[in-house]
Every structure is written in C-alpha cells, then in structure tokens.
C-alpha cells in the first residue's frame, strides 16, 4: 500500500513541478515597478445645504423646501399654510 502512495506522490510531483517552475519564472519576469491597480473611488455627491422646517423643525435639503412669502422654509405645503410654530 505504501508503495502505491509513494508512486502517486511521485507522479503528482512530476506533473506539477514544471508548472510551478513556470509560475516562479513568470513572477520573476514581471516588472516590480508596476503599481497595483486599485478601483477609483466613486465621484463625490454634490453637497447641498439643509434647512429646518419653520413649522415642525424637520431638516430637509434646501432644494426640496416650500418657501413662504417671507422666504421661510417648510417641509410641505400644509405646514407652509399653517405658518411657523409657536415654540
């Protein structure tokens, strides 16, 4: 039984030895000065000012705010119609 195991290991070594030598040679021939390529970061999103609703205080982007005549920001038309809160 040991004889067959030894023959199997010898056959595997003979088959993979040239492949391993080729891989080592390729690794040596590869230029070391080439930098590793990394994926570029995703583009930064546009930063937008946040405003607080004059009625409930919730924060929302300035572009989504409903403004009244006095240019106070509100989160929706219902709060704009209700007016600023008393707090």
Protein backbone atom coordinates (compact mmCIF):
# COMPACT_ATOMS: atom_id res chain seq x y z
CA UNK A 1 0.00 0.00 0.00
CA UNK A 2 2.81 2.41 0.88
CA UNK A 3 4.41 1.65 -2.48
CA UNK A 4 1.30 2.94 -4.35
CA UNK A 5 1.14 6.06 -2.23
CA UNK A 6 4.80 6.81 -2.96
CA UNK A 7 4.27 6.25 -6.70
CA UNK A 8 1.20 8.57 -6.61
CA UNK A 9 3.13 11.34 -4.89
CA UNK A 10 5.99 10.95 -7.38
CA UNK A 11 3.60 11.19 -10.36
CA UNK A 12 1.90 14.28 -8.96
CA UNK A 13 5.27 15.90 -8.29
CA UNK A 14 6.45 15.17 -11.85
CA UNK A 15 3.28 16.65 -13.33
CA UNK A 16 3.18 19.83 -11.24
CA UNK A 17 6.89 20.56 -10.99
CA UNK A 18 7.18 22.17 -14.48
CA UNK A 19 4.05 24.19 -13.81
CA UNK A 20 5.44 25.52 -10.54
CA UNK A 21 8.76 26.41 -12.21
CA UNK A 22 6.91 28.30 -14.95
CA UNK A 23 4.88 30.24 -12.39
CA UNK A 24 8.05 31.21 -10.49
CA UNK A 25 9.70 32.34 -13.72
CA UNK A 26 6.70 34.48 -14.65
CA UNK A 27 6.70 36.04 -11.20
CA UNK A 28 10.40 36.90 -11.53
CA UNK A 29 9.98 38.37 -15.02
CA UNK A 30 7.09 40.62 -14.02
CA UNK A 31 8.28 44.21 -13.55
CA UNK A 32 8.27 45.21 -9.89
CA UNK A 33 7.84 48.92 -10.64
CA UNK A 34 4.28 48.48 -11.94
CA UNK A 35 1.88 49.85 -9.30
CA UNK A 36 -1.05 47.78 -8.20
CA UNK A 37 -4.26 48.93 -9.82
CA UNK A 38 -6.98 49.97 -7.44
CA UNK A 39 -10.50 50.89 -8.40
CA UNK A 40 -11.10 54.61 -8.39
CA UNK A 41 -13.44 55.91 -5.70
CA UNK A 42 -16.95 56.85 -6.80
CA UNK A 43 -17.44 60.52 -7.62
CA UNK A 44 -18.43 62.64 -4.64
CA UNK A 45 -22.08 63.61 -4.43
CA UNK A 46 -22.96 67.28 -4.58
CA UNK A 47 -23.21 68.83 -1.13
CA UNK A 48 -26.44 70.69 -0.52
CA UNK A 49 -27.49 72.99 2.31
CA UNK A 50 -30.01 71.63 4.80
CA UNK A 51 -32.77 73.80 6.25
CA UNK A 52 -35.20 73.26 9.12
CA UNK A 53 -38.94 73.45 8.58
CA UNK A 54 -40.29 76.59 10.29
CA UNK A 55 -43.35 74.64 11.49
CA UNK A 56 -42.12 71.22 12.71
CA UNK A 57 -38.32 71.62 12.72
CA UNK A 58 -37.55 68.66 10.46
CA UNK A 59 -34.39 69.09 8.37
CA UNK A 60 -34.57 68.74 4.59
CA UNK A 61 -32.50 69.77 1.57
CA UNK A 62 -32.95 73.42 0.63
CA UNK A 63 -33.97 72.46 -2.92
CA UNK A 64 -36.97 70.46 -1.59
CA UNK A 65 -38.26 73.13 0.79
CA UNK A 66 -41.52 75.04 0.19
CA UNK A 67 -40.91 78.73 0.85
CA UNK A 68 -43.48 81.25 2.02
CA UNK A 69 -43.60 84.97 1.20
CA UNK A 70 -41.04 85.70 3.93
CA UNK A 71 -38.70 83.03 2.42
CA UNK A 72 -39.06 80.73 5.46
CA UNK A 73 -38.56 77.06 4.57
CA UNK A 74 -41.28 74.43 5.17
CA UNK A 75 -41.28 70.68 4.59
CA UNK A 76 -44.68 70.61 2.84
CA UNK A 77 -47.47 72.87 1.61
CA UNK A 78 -49.69 72.01 4.62
CA UNK A 79 -47.06 73.31 7.06
CA UNK A 80 -46.49 76.36 4.88
CA UNK A 81 -50.25 77.09 5.04
CA UNK A 82 -50.26 76.52 8.83
CA UNK A 83 -47.45 79.01 9.32
CA UNK A 84 -44.49 78.96 11.72
CA UNK A 85 -44.86 77.14 15.02
CA UNK A 86 -45.26 78.97 18.29
CA UNK A 87 -42.34 77.18 20.04
